Amino acid sequence: ATAVEPSTIMAMTDATPSSAQPAQAVLREAVHERIAELFTRDSAVFG
């Protein structure tokens, strides 16, 4: 449930020429949030 589905992000971004930069920002934040979730889940592994 934590993996961000492309269809969900597509609906959030709806990238047009005027919204291309905000769309990129949304995608980049989705990546950073996903990585943060993985580190939270596995934090004990890394000591």
All heavy atoms as atom14 arrays in JSON, in Angstrom:
{
  "sequence": "ATAVEPSTIMAMTDATPSSAQPAQAVLREAVHERIAELFTRDSAVFG",
  "atom14_mask": [
    [1, 1, 1, 1, 1, 0, 0, 0, 0, 0, 0, 0, 0, 0],
    [1, 1, 1, 1, 1, 1, 1, 0, 0, 0, 0, 0, 0, 0],
    [1, 1, 1, 1, 1, 0, 0, 0, 0, 0, 0, 0, 0, 0],
    [1, 1, 1, 1, 1, 1, 1, 0, 0, 0, 0, 0, 0, 0],
    [1, 1, 1, 1, 1, 1, 1, 1, 1, 0, 0, 0, 0, 0],
    [1, 1, 1, 1, 1, 1, 1, 0, 0, 0, 0, 0, 0, 0],
    [1, 1, 1, 1, 1, 1, 0, 0, 0, 0, 0, 0, 0, 0],
    [1, 1, 1, 1, 1, 1, 1, 0, 0, 0, 0, 0, 0, 0],
    [1, 1, 1, 1, 1, 1, 1, 1, 0, 0, 0, 0, 0, 0],
    [1, 1, 1, 1, 1, 1, 1, 1, 0, 0, 0, 0, 0, 0],
    [1, 1, 1, 1, 1, 0, 0, 0, 0, 0, 0, 0, 0, 0],
    [1, 1, 1, 1, 1, 1, 1, 1, 0, 0, 0, 0, 0, 0],
    [1, 1, 1, 1, 1, 1, 1, 0, 0, 0, 0, 0, 0, 0],
    [1, 1, 1, 1, 1, 1, 1, 1, 0, 0, 0, 0, 0, 0],
    [1, 1, 1, 1, 1, 0, 0, 0, 0, 0, 0, 0, 0, 0],
    [1, 1, 1, 1, 1, 1, 1, 0, 0, 0, 0, 0, 0, 0],
    [1, 1, 1, 1, 1, 1, 1, 0, 0, 0, 0, 0, 0, 0],
    [1, 1, 1, 1, 1, 1, 0, 0, 0, 0, 0, 0, 0, 0],
    [1, 1, 1, 1, 1, 1, 0, 0, 0, 0, 0, 0, 0, 0],
    [1, 1, 1, 1, 1, 0, 0, 0, 0, 0, 0, 0, 0, 0],
    [1, 1, 1, 1, 1, 1, 1, 1, 1, 0, 0, 0, 0, 0],
    [1, 1, 1, 1, 1, 1, 1, 0, 0, 0, 0, 0, 0, 0],
    [1, 1, 1, 1, 1, 0, 0, 0, 0, 0, 0, 0, 0, 0],
    [1, 1, 1, 1, 1, 1, 1, 1, 1, 0, 0, 0, 0, 0],
    [1, 1, 1, 1, 1, 0, 0, 0, 0, 0, 0, 0, 0, 0],
    [1, 1, 1, 1, 1, 1, 1, 0, 0, 0, 0, 0, 0, 0],
    [1, 1, 1, 1, 1, 1, 1, 1, 0, 0, 0, 0, 0, 0],
    [1, 1, 1, 1, 1, 1, 1, 1, 1, 1, 1, 0, 0, 0],
    [1, 1, 1, 1, 1, 1, 1, 1, 1, 0, 0, 0, 0, 0],
    [1, 1, 1, 1, 1, 0, 0, 0, 0, 0, 0, 0, 0, 0],
    [1, 1, 1, 1, 1, 1, 1, 0, 0, 0, 0, 0, 0, 0],
    [1, 1, 1, 1, 1, 1, 1, 1, 1, 1, 0, 0, 0, 0],
    [1, 1, 1, 1, 1, 1, 1, 1, 1, 0, 0, 0, 0, 0],
    [1, 1, 1, 1, 1, 1, 1, 1, 1, 1, 1, 0, 0, 0],
    [1, 1, 1, 1, 1, 1, 1, 1, 0, 0, 0, 0, 0, 0],
    [1, 1, 1, 1, 1, 0, 0, 0, 0, 0, 0, 0, 0, 0],
    [1, 1, 1, 1, 1, 1, 1, 1, 1, 0, 0, 0, 0, 0],
    [1, 1, 1, 1, 1, 1, 1, 1, 0, 0, 0, 0, 0, 0],
    [1, 1, 1, 1, 1, 1, 1, 1, 1, 1, 1, 0, 0, 0],
    [1, 1, 1, 1, 1, 1, 1, 0, 0, 0, 0, 0, 0, 0],
    [1, 1, 1, 1, 1, 1, 1, 1, 1, 1, 1, 0, 0, 0],
    [1, 1, 1, 1, 1, 1, 1, 1, 0, 0, 0, 0, 0, 0],
    [1, 1, 1, 1, 1, 1, 0, 0, 0, 0, 0, 0, 0, 0],
    [1, 1, 1, 1, 1, 0, 0, 0, 0, 0, 0, 0, 0, 0],
    [1, 1, 1, 1, 1, 1, 1, 0, 0, 0, 0, 0, 0, 0],
    [1, 1, 1, 1, 1, 1, 1, 1, 1, 1, 1, 0, 0, 0],
    [1, 1, 1, 1, 0, 0, 0, 0, 0, 0, 0, 0, 0, 0]
  ],
  "atom14_positions": [
    [[0.81, -1.21, 0.0], [0.0, 0.0, 0.0], [0.85, 1.26, 0.0], [0.36, 2.35, -0.28], [-0.93, 0.01, 1.22], [0.0, 0.0, 0.0], [0.0, 0.0, 0.0], [0.0, 0.0, 0.0], [0.0, 0.0, 0.0], [0.0, 0.0, 0.0], [0.0, 0.0, 0.0], [0.0, 0.0, 0.0], [0.0, 0.0, 0.0], [0.0, 0.0, 0.0]],
    [[2.13, 1.15, 0.35], [2.96, 2.34, 0.45], [3.58, 2.73, -0.88], [4.01, 3.85, -1.04], [4.09, 2.15, 1.48], [5.0, 1.15, 1.0], [3.54, 1.73, 2.81], [0.0, 0.0, 0.0], [0.0, 0.0, 0.0], [0.0, 0.0, 0.0], [0.0, 0.0, 0.0], [0.0, 0.0, 0.0], [0.0, 0.0, 0.0], [0.0, 0.0, 0.0]],
    [[3.67, 1.83, -1.83], [4.23, 2.18, -3.13], [3.27, 3.1, -3.86], [2.07, 2.88, -3.88], [4.49, 0.93, -3.95], [0.0, 0.0, 0.0], [0.0, 0.0, 0.0], [0.0, 0.0, 0.0], [0.0, 0.0, 0.0], [0.0, 0.0, 0.0], [0.0, 0.0, 0.0], [0.0, 0.0, 0.0], [0.0, 0.0, 0.0], [0.0, 0.0, 0.0]],
    [[3.8, 4.16, -4.46], [2.95, 5.13, -5.14], [2.69, 4.66, -6.55], [3.61, 4.45, -7.33], [3.64, 6.51, -5.17], [2.69, 7.55, -5.74], [4.1, 6.9, -3.77], [0.0, 0.0, 0.0], [0.0, 0.0, 0.0], [0.0, 0.0, 0.0], [0.0, 0.0, 0.0], [0.0, 0.0, 0.0], [0.0, 0.0, 0.0], [0.0, 0.0, 0.0]],
    [[1.42, 4.5, -6.88], [1.05, 3.99, -8.2], [1.15, 5.09, -9.25], [0.75, 6.23, -9.01], [-0.38, 3.44, -8.16], [-0.53, 2.2, -7.32], [0.35, 1.06, -7.82], [0.51, 0.92, -9.05], [0.88, 0.33, -6.99], [0.0, 0.0, 0.0], [0.0, 0.0, 0.0], [0.0, 0.0, 0.0], [0.0, 0.0, 0.0], [0.0, 0.0, 0.0]],
    [[1.67, 4.75, -10.44], [1.77, 5.76, -11.5], [0.44, 6.42, -11.82], [0.4, 7.62, -12.1], [2.3, 4.96, -12.7], [3.05, 3.82, -12.08], [2.29, 3.48, -10.82], [0.0, 0.0, 0.0], [0.0, 0.0, 0.0], [0.0, 0.0, 0.0], [0.0, 0.0, 0.0], [0.0, 0.0, 0.0], [0.0, 0.0, 0.0], [0.0, 0.0, 0.0]],
    [[-0.66, 5.68, -11.8], [-1.95, 6.27, -12.13], [-2.35, 7.33, -11.12], [-2.95, 8.35, -11.46], [-3.03, 5.17, -12.19], [-3.11, 4.48, -10.95], [0.0, 0.0, 0.0], [0.0, 0.0, 0.0], [0.0, 0.0, 0.0], [0.0, 0.0, 0.0], [0.0, 0.0, 0.0], [0.0, 0.0, 0.0], [0.0, 0.0, 0.0], [0.0, 0.0, 0.0]],
    [[-2.01, 7.09, -9.85], [-2.31, 8.08, -8.81], [-1.52, 9.35, -9.04], [-2.04, 10.46, -8.95], [-1.99, 7.51, -7.42], [-2.75, 6.33, -7.21], [-2.31, 8.52, -6.33], [0.0, 0.0, 0.0], [0.0, 0.0, 0.0], [0.0, 0.0, 0.0], [0.0, 0.0, 0.0], [0.0, 0.0, 0.0], [0.0, 0.0, 0.0], [0.0, 0.0, 0.0]],
    [[-0.22, 9.2, -9.34], [0.62, 10.37, -9.56], [0.19, 11.1, -10.81], [0.18, 12.32, -10.86], [2.1, 9.96, -9.65], [2.52, 9.27, -8.36], [2.98, 11.16, -9.9], [3.88, 8.64, -8.43], [0.0, 0.0, 0.0], [0.0, 0.0, 0.0], [0.0, 0.0, 0.0], [0.0, 0.0, 0.0], [0.0, 0.0, 0.0], [0.0, 0.0, 0.0]],
    [[-0.19, 10.36, -11.87], [-0.63, 10.99, -13.1], [-1.82, 11.89, -12.85], [-1.92, 13.0, -13.36], [-0.98, 9.92, -14.14], [-1.33, 10.5, -15.5], [0.11, 11.22, -16.32], [0.89, 9.72, -16.93], [0.0, 0.0, 0.0], [0.0, 0.0, 0.0], [0.0, 0.0, 0.0], [0.0, 0.0, 0.0], [0.0, 0.0, 0.0], [0.0, 0.0, 0.0]],
    [[-2.74, 11.4, -12.01], [-3.91, 12.21, -11.7], [-3.52, 13.46, -10.93], [-4.11, 14.53, -11.08], [-4.91, 11.39, -10.87], [0.0, 0.0, 0.0], [0.0, 0.0, 0.0], [0.0, 0.0, 0.0], [0.0, 0.0, 0.0], [0.0, 0.0, 0.0], [0.0, 0.0, 0.0], [0.0, 0.0, 0.0], [0.0, 0.0, 0.0], [0.0, 0.0, 0.0]],
    [[-2.49, 13.35, -10.08], [-2.02, 14.49, -9.29], [-1.3, 15.51, -10.17], [-1.42, 16.72, -9.95], [-1.07, 14.01, -8.19], [-1.71, 13.16, -7.13], [-0.46, 12.36, -6.1], [0.36, 13.77, -5.37], [0.0, 0.0, 0.0], [0.0, 0.0, 0.0], [0.0, 0.0, 0.0], [0.0, 0.0, 0.0], [0.0, 0.0, 0.0], [0.0, 0.0, 0.0]],
    [[-0.56, 15.04, -11.17], [0.28, 15.95, -11.93], [-0.45, 16.59, -13.1], [-0.36, 17.79, -13.31], [1.53, 15.22, -12.46], [1.11, 14.11, -13.26], [2.38, 14.71, -11.32], [0.0, 0.0, 0.0], [0.0, 0.0, 0.0], [0.0, 0.0, 0.0], [0.0, 0.0, 0.0], [0.0, 0.0, 0.0], [0.0, 0.0, 0.0], [0.0, 0.0, 0.0]],
    [[-1.15, 15.76, -13.92], [-1.85, 16.25, -15.1], [-0.99, 17.25, -15.85], [-1.36, 18.41, -16.07], [-3.18, 16.89, -14.69], [-4.04, 17.24, -15.91], [-3.83, 16.6, -16.97], [-4.88, 18.14, -15.79], [0.0, 0.0, 0.0], [0.0, 0.0, 0.0], [0.0, 0.0, 0.0], [0.0, 0.0, 0.0], [0.0, 0.0, 0.0], [0.0, 0.0, 0.0]],
    [[0.22, 16.81, -16.24], [1.23, 17.72, -16.76], [0.84, 18.31, -18.11], [0.64, 17.61, -19.09], [2.56, 17.02, -16.88], [0.0, 0.0, 0.0], [0.0, 0.0, 0.0], [0.0, 0.0, 0.0], [0.0, 0.0, 0.0], [0.0, 0.0, 0.0], [0.0, 0.0, 0.0], [0.0, 0.0, 0.0], [0.0, 0.0, 0.0], [0.0, 0.0, 0.0]],
    [[0.71, 19.63, -18.15], [0.54, 20.41, -19.37], [1.75, 21.33, -19.45], [2.51, 21.44, -18.49], [-0.76, 21.24, -19.3], [-0.64, 22.15, -18.21], [-1.96, 20.34, -19.09], [0.0, 0.0, 0.0], [0.0, 0.0, 0.0], [0.0, 0.0, 0.0], [0.0, 0.0, 0.0], [0.0, 0.0, 0.0], [0.0, 0.0, 0.0], [0.0, 0.0, 0.0]],
    [[1.95, 22.03, -20.58], [3.11, 22.92, -20.65], [3.19, 23.89, -19.48], [4.26, 24.18, -18.98], [2.92, 23.65, -21.99], [2.2, 22.63, -22.83], [1.28, 21.91, -21.89], [0.0, 0.0, 0.0], [0.0, 0.0, 0.0], [0.0, 0.0, 0.0], [0.0, 0.0, 0.0], [0.0, 0.0, 0.0], [0.0, 0.0, 0.0], [0.0, 0.0, 0.0]],
    [[2.07, 24.43, -19.01], [2.09, 25.4, -17.92], [2.32, 24.75, -16.56], [2.66, 25.43, -15.61], [0.78, 26.19, -17.9], [-0.31, 25.3, -17.65], [0.0, 0.0, 0.0], [0.0, 0.0, 0.0], [0.0, 0.0, 0.0], [0.0, 0.0, 0.0], [0.0, 0.0, 0.0], [0.0, 0.0, 0.0], [0.0, 0.0, 0.0], [0.0, 0.0, 0.0]],
    [[2.1, 23.43, -16.47], [2.23, 22.76, -15.17], [3.38, 21.78, -15.12], [3.49, 21.0, -14.19], [0.92, 22.01, -14.85], [0.72, 20.96, -15.76], [0.0, 0.0, 0.0], [0.0, 0.0, 0.0], [0.0, 0.0, 0.0], [0.0, 0.0, 0.0], [0.0, 0.0, 0.0], [0.0, 0.0, 0.0], [0.0, 0.0, 0.0], [0.0, 0.0, 0.0]],
    [[4.27, 21.81, -16.15], [5.32, 20.81, -16.22], [6.24, 20.85, -15.01], [6.59, 19.81, -14.44], [6.13, 21.0, -17.51], [0.0, 0.0, 0.0], [0.0, 0.0, 0.0], [0.0, 0.0, 0.0], [0.0, 0.0, 0.0], [0.0, 0.0, 0.0], [0.0, 0.0, 0.0], [0.0, 0.0, 0.0], [0.0, 0.0, 0.0], [0.0, 0.0, 0.0]],
    [[6.66, 22.04, -14.58], [7.56, 22.13, -13.44], [6.9, 21.66, -12.14], [7.49, 20.88, -11.4], [8.09, 23.56, -13.3], [9.13, 23.91, -14.36], [10.28, 22.92, -14.37], [10.43, 22.14, -15.31], [11.1, 22.94, -13.35], [0.0, 0.0, 0.0], [0.0, 0.0, 0.0], [0.0, 0.0, 0.0], [0.0, 0.0, 0.0], [0.0, 0.0, 0.0]],
    [[5.67, 22.12, -11.83], [5.0, 21.56, -10.64], [4.84, 20.05, -10.71], [4.97, 19.36, -9.71], [3.64, 22.28, -10.64], [3.89, 23.56, -11.35], [4.9, 23.23, -12.42], [0.0, 0.0, 0.0], [0.0, 0.0, 0.0], [0.0, 0.0, 0.0], [0.0, 0.0, 0.0], [0.0, 0.0, 0.0], [0.0, 0.0, 0.0], [0.0, 0.0, 0.0]],
    [[4.57, 19.52, -11.91], [4.42, 18.07, -12.05], [5.73, 17.37, -11.71], [5.74, 16.35, -11.01], [4.0, 17.72, -13.48], [0.0, 0.0, 0.0], [0.0, 0.0, 0.0], [0.0, 0.0, 0.0], [0.0, 0.0, 0.0], [0.0, 0.0, 0.0], [0.0, 0.0, 0.0], [0.0, 0.0, 0.0], [0.0, 0.0, 0.0], [0.0, 0.0, 0.0]],
    [[6.85, 17.91, -12.18], [8.14, 17.32, -11.85], [8.39, 17.36, -10.35], [8.91, 16.41, -9.76], [9.26, 18.06, -12.59], [9.31, 17.8, -14.09], [9.68, 16.36, -14.41], [10.75, 15.89, -14.05], [8.8, 15.66, -15.1], [0.0, 0.0, 0.0], [0.0, 0.0, 0.0], [0.0, 0.0, 0.0], [0.0, 0.0, 0.0], [0.0, 0.0, 0.0]],
    [[8.0, 18.44, -9.71], [8.19, 18.56, -8.27], [7.39, 17.51, -7.52], [7.87, 16.93, -6.53], [7.8, 19.97, -7.79], [0.0, 0.0, 0.0], [0.0, 0.0, 0.0], [0.0, 0.0, 0.0], [0.0, 0.0, 0.0], [0.0, 0.0, 0.0], [0.0, 0.0, 0.0], [0.0, 0.0, 0.0], [0.0, 0.0, 0.0], [0.0, 0.0, 0.0]],
    [[6.17, 17.25, -7.99], [5.34, 16.22, -7.34], [5.99, 14.85, -7.48], [6.05, 14.07, -6.52], [3.92, 16.22, -7.96], [3.13, 14.99, -7.5], [3.17, 17.48, -7.58], [0.0, 0.0, 0.0], [0.0, 0.0, 0.0], [0.0, 0.0, 0.0], [0.0, 0.0, 0.0], [0.0, 0.0, 0.0], [0.0, 0.0, 0.0], [0.0, 0.0, 0.0]],
    [[6.48, 14.53, -8.66], [7.12, 13.24, -8.87], [8.37, 13.09, -8.02], [8.62, 12.03, -7.44], [7.46, 13.07, -10.36], [6.26, 13.01, -11.32], [6.75, 13.03, -12.77], [5.41, 11.76, -11.07], [0.0, 0.0, 0.0], [0.0, 0.0, 0.0], [0.0, 0.0, 0.0], [0.0, 0.0, 0.0], [0.0, 0.0, 0.0], [0.0, 0.0, 0.0]],
    [[9.17, 14.13, -7.94], [10.39, 14.07, -7.15], [10.09, 13.87, -5.67], [10.76, 13.09, -4.98], [11.22, 15.34, -7.38], [11.8, 15.42, -8.78], [12.44, 16.77, -9.07], [12.95, 16.8, -10.44], [13.46, 17.88, -11.01], [13.55, 19.02, -10.33], [13.91, 17.82, -12.25], [0.0, 0.0, 0.0], [0.0, 0.0, 0.0], [0.0, 0.0, 0.0]],
    [[9.07, 14.58, -5.19], [8.71, 14.41, -3.78], [8.17, 13.01, -3.52], [8.41, 12.44, -2.44], [7.67, 15.46, -3.36], [8.28, 16.82, -3.09], [9.42, 16.74, -2.08], [9.21, 16.25, -0.96], [10.54, 17.15, -2.42], [0.0, 0.0, 0.0], [0.0, 0.0, 0.0], [0.0, 0.0, 0.0], [0.0, 0.0, 0.0], [0.0, 0.0, 0.0]],
    [[7.46, 12.45, -4.49], [6.96, 11.08, -4.32], [8.11, 10.11, -4.15], [8.06, 9.17, -3.35], [6.09, 10.69, -5.51], [0.0, 0.0, 0.0], [0.0, 0.0, 0.0], [0.0, 0.0, 0.0], [0.0, 0.0, 0.0], [0.0, 0.0, 0.0], [0.0, 0.0, 0.0], [0.0, 0.0, 0.0], [0.0, 0.0, 0.0], [0.0, 0.0, 0.0]],
    [[9.2, 10.31, -4.91], [10.38, 9.45, -4.78], [11.0, 9.61, -3.4], [11.3, 8.61, -2.72], [11.42, 9.78, -5.88], [12.75, 9.08, -5.59], [10.89, 9.36, -7.24], [0.0, 0.0, 0.0], [0.0, 0.0, 0.0], [0.0, 0.0, 0.0], [0.0, 0.0, 0.0], [0.0, 0.0, 0.0], [0.0, 0.0, 0.0], [0.0, 0.0, 0.0]],
    [[11.21, 10.83, -2.95], [11.82, 11.06, -1.64], [10.97, 10.48, -0.51], [11.49, 9.92, 0.45], [12.07, 12.55, -1.43], [13.15, 13.11, -2.29], [14.42, 12.55, -2.37], [13.17, 14.19, -3.13], [15.16, 13.26, -3.21], [14.43, 14.25, -3.68], [0.0, 0.0, 0.0], [0.0, 0.0, 0.0], [0.0, 0.0, 0.0], [0.0, 0.0, 0.0]],
    [[9.66, 10.61, -0.65], [8.77, 10.06, 0.38], [8.83, 8.54, 0.41], [8.81, 7.92, 1.49], [7.34, 10.54, 0.14], [7.13, 12.02, 0.42], [5.78, 12.52, -0.02], [4.93, 11.68, -0.42], [5.56, 13.75, 0.01], [0.0, 0.0, 0.0], [0.0, 0.0, 0.0], [0.0, 0.0, 0.0], [0.0, 0.0, 0.0], [0.0, 0.0, 0.0]],
    [[8.9, 7.93, -0.75], [8.99, 6.46, -0.81], [10.28, 5.97, -0.18], [10.29, 4.99, 0.57], [8.91, 6.03, -2.28], [9.05, 4.53, -2.49], [7.79, 3.79, -2.1], [7.88, 2.4, -2.49], [7.99, 1.38, -1.63], [8.0, 1.58, -0.33], [8.07, 0.13, -2.09], [0.0, 0.0, 0.0], [0.0, 0.0, 0.0], [0.0, 0.0, 0.0]],
    [[11.39, 6.65, -0.47], [12.66, 6.27, 0.15], [12.59, 6.44, 1.66], [13.06, 5.58, 2.42], [13.81, 7.11, -0.45], [14.01, 6.75, -1.92], [15.11, 6.89, 0.33], [14.97, 7.68, -2.66], [0.0, 0.0, 0.0], [0.0, 0.0, 0.0], [0.0, 0.0, 0.0], [0.0, 0.0, 0.0], [0.0, 0.0, 0.0], [0.0, 0.0, 0.0]],
    [[12.0, 7.53, 2.11], [11.87, 7.76, 3.56], [11.06, 6.65, 4.22], [11.39, 6.21, 5.34], [11.22, 9.12, 3.81], [0.0, 0.0, 0.0], [0.0, 0.0, 0.0], [0.0, 0.0, 0.0], [0.0, 0.0, 0.0], [0.0, 0.0, 0.0], [0.0, 0.0, 0.0], [0.0, 0.0, 0.0], [0.0, 0.0, 0.0], [0.0, 0.0, 0.0]],
    [[10.01, 6.18, 3.55], [9.21, 5.07, 4.09], [10.05, 3.82, 4.27], [9.95, 3.11, 5.28], [8.03, 4.77, 3.16], [6.95, 5.83, 3.15], [5.91, 5.58, 2.06], [6.11, 4.65, 1.25], [4.92, 6.33, 2.01], [0.0, 0.0, 0.0], [0.0, 0.0, 0.0], [0.0, 0.0, 0.0], [0.0, 0.0, 0.0], [0.0, 0.0, 0.0]],
    [[10.89, 3.53, 3.28], [11.72, 2.33, 3.35], [12.73, 2.44, 4.49], [12.97, 1.46, 5.22], [12.43, 2.12, 2.01], [11.53, 1.71, 0.85], [12.27, 1.82, -0.48], [11.01, 0.29, 1.04], [0.0, 0.0, 0.0], [0.0, 0.0, 0.0], [0.0, 0.0, 0.0], [0.0, 0.0, 0.0], [0.0, 0.0, 0.0], [0.0, 0.0, 0.0]],
    [[13.32, 3.6, 4.67], [14.27, 3.77, 5.77], [13.57, 3.68, 7.13], [14.13, 3.14, 8.09], [15.03, 5.09, 5.64], [16.24, 4.99, 4.77], [16.26, 5.56, 3.5], [17.37, 4.32, 5.21], [17.37, 5.45, 2.69], [18.5, 4.19, 4.4], [18.5, 4.77, 3.14], [0.0, 0.0, 0.0], [0.0, 0.0, 0.0], [0.0, 0.0, 0.0]],
    [[12.37, 4.2, 7.22], [11.62, 4.09, 8.47], [11.33, 2.63, 8.78], [11.49, 2.16, 9.92], [10.31, 4.88, 8.38], [10.61, 6.27, 8.2], [9.47, 4.7, 9.64], [0.0, 0.0, 0.0], [0.0, 0.0, 0.0], [0.0, 0.0, 0.0], [0.0, 0.0, 0.0], [0.0, 0.0, 0.0], [0.0, 0.0, 0.0], [0.0, 0.0, 0.0]],
    [[10.93, 1.89, 7.78], [10.62, 0.47, 7.97], [11.84, -0.34, 8.39], [11.75, -1.21, 9.26], [10.06, -0.09, 6.66], [9.55, -1.52, 6.76], [9.26, -2.1, 5.39], [10.49, -2.33, 4.62], [10.5, -2.66, 3.32], [9.37, -2.73, 2.65], [11.64, -2.88, 2.7], [0.0, 0.0, 0.0], [0.0, 0.0, 0.0], [0.0, 0.0, 0.0]],
    [[12.98, -0.08, 7.8], [14.17, -0.91, 8.0], [15.24, -0.23, 8.85], [16.41, -0.64, 8.82], [14.81, -1.25, 6.64], [13.87, -2.03, 5.73], [12.99, -2.74, 6.25], [14.03, -1.92, 4.5], [0.0, 0.0, 0.0], [0.0, 0.0, 0.0], [0.0, 0.0, 0.0], [0.0, 0.0, 0.0], [0.0, 0.0, 0.0], [0.0, 0.0, 0.0]],
    [[14.89, 0.78, 9.62], [15.9, 1.59, 10.3], [16.85, 0.77, 11.16], [18.05, 1.05, 11.23], [15.23, 2.67, 11.16], [14.37, 2.09, 12.13], [0.0, 0.0, 0.0], [0.0, 0.0, 0.0], [0.0, 0.0, 0.0], [0.0, 0.0, 0.0], [0.0, 0.0, 0.0], [0.0, 0.0, 0.0], [0.0, 0.0, 0.0], [0.0, 0.0, 0.0]],
    [[16.35, -0.29, 11.78], [17.21, -1.09, 12.67], [18.31, -1.81, 11.92], [19.35, -2.15, 12.5], [16.36, -2.1, 13.44], [0.0, 0.0, 0.0], [0.0, 0.0, 0.0], [0.0, 0.0, 0.0], [0.0, 0.0, 0.0], [0.0, 0.0, 0.0], [0.0, 0.0, 0.0], [0.0, 0.0, 0.0], [0.0, 0.0, 0.0], [0.0, 0.0, 0.0]],
    [[18.13, -2.04, 10.62], [19.13, -2.78, 9.83], [20.43, -1.99, 9.73], [21.52, -2.57, 9.73], [18.58, -3.08, 8.42], [19.66, -3.67, 7.52], [17.37, -4.01, 8.49], [0.0, 0.0, 0.0], [0.0, 0.0, 0.0], [0.0, 0.0, 0.0], [0.0, 0.0, 0.0], [0.0, 0.0, 0.0], [0.0, 0.0, 0.0], [0.0, 0.0, 0.0]],
    [[20.33, -0.67, 9.66], [21.49, 0.16, 9.33], [22.3, 0.61, 10.54], [23.45, 1.04, 10.37], [21.04, 1.37, 8.51], [20.4, 1.0, 7.21], [19.02, 0.94, 7.1], [21.16, 0.68, 6.11], [18.41, 0.59, 5.91], [20.57, 0.32, 4.91], [19.19, 0.28, 4.8], [0.0, 0.0, 0.0], [0.0, 0.0, 0.0], [0.0, 0.0, 0.0]],
    [[21.76, 0.5, 11.73], [22.52, 0.85, 12.93], [23.07, 2.27, 12.86], [22.37, 3.21, 12.47], [0.0, 0.0, 0.0], [0.0, 0.0, 0.0], [0.0, 0.0, 0.0], [0.0, 0.0, 0.0], [0.0, 0.0, 0.0], [0.0, 0.0, 0.0], [0.0, 0.0, 0.0], [0.0, 0.0, 0.0], [0.0, 0.0, 0.0], [0.0, 0.0, 0.0]]
  ]
}
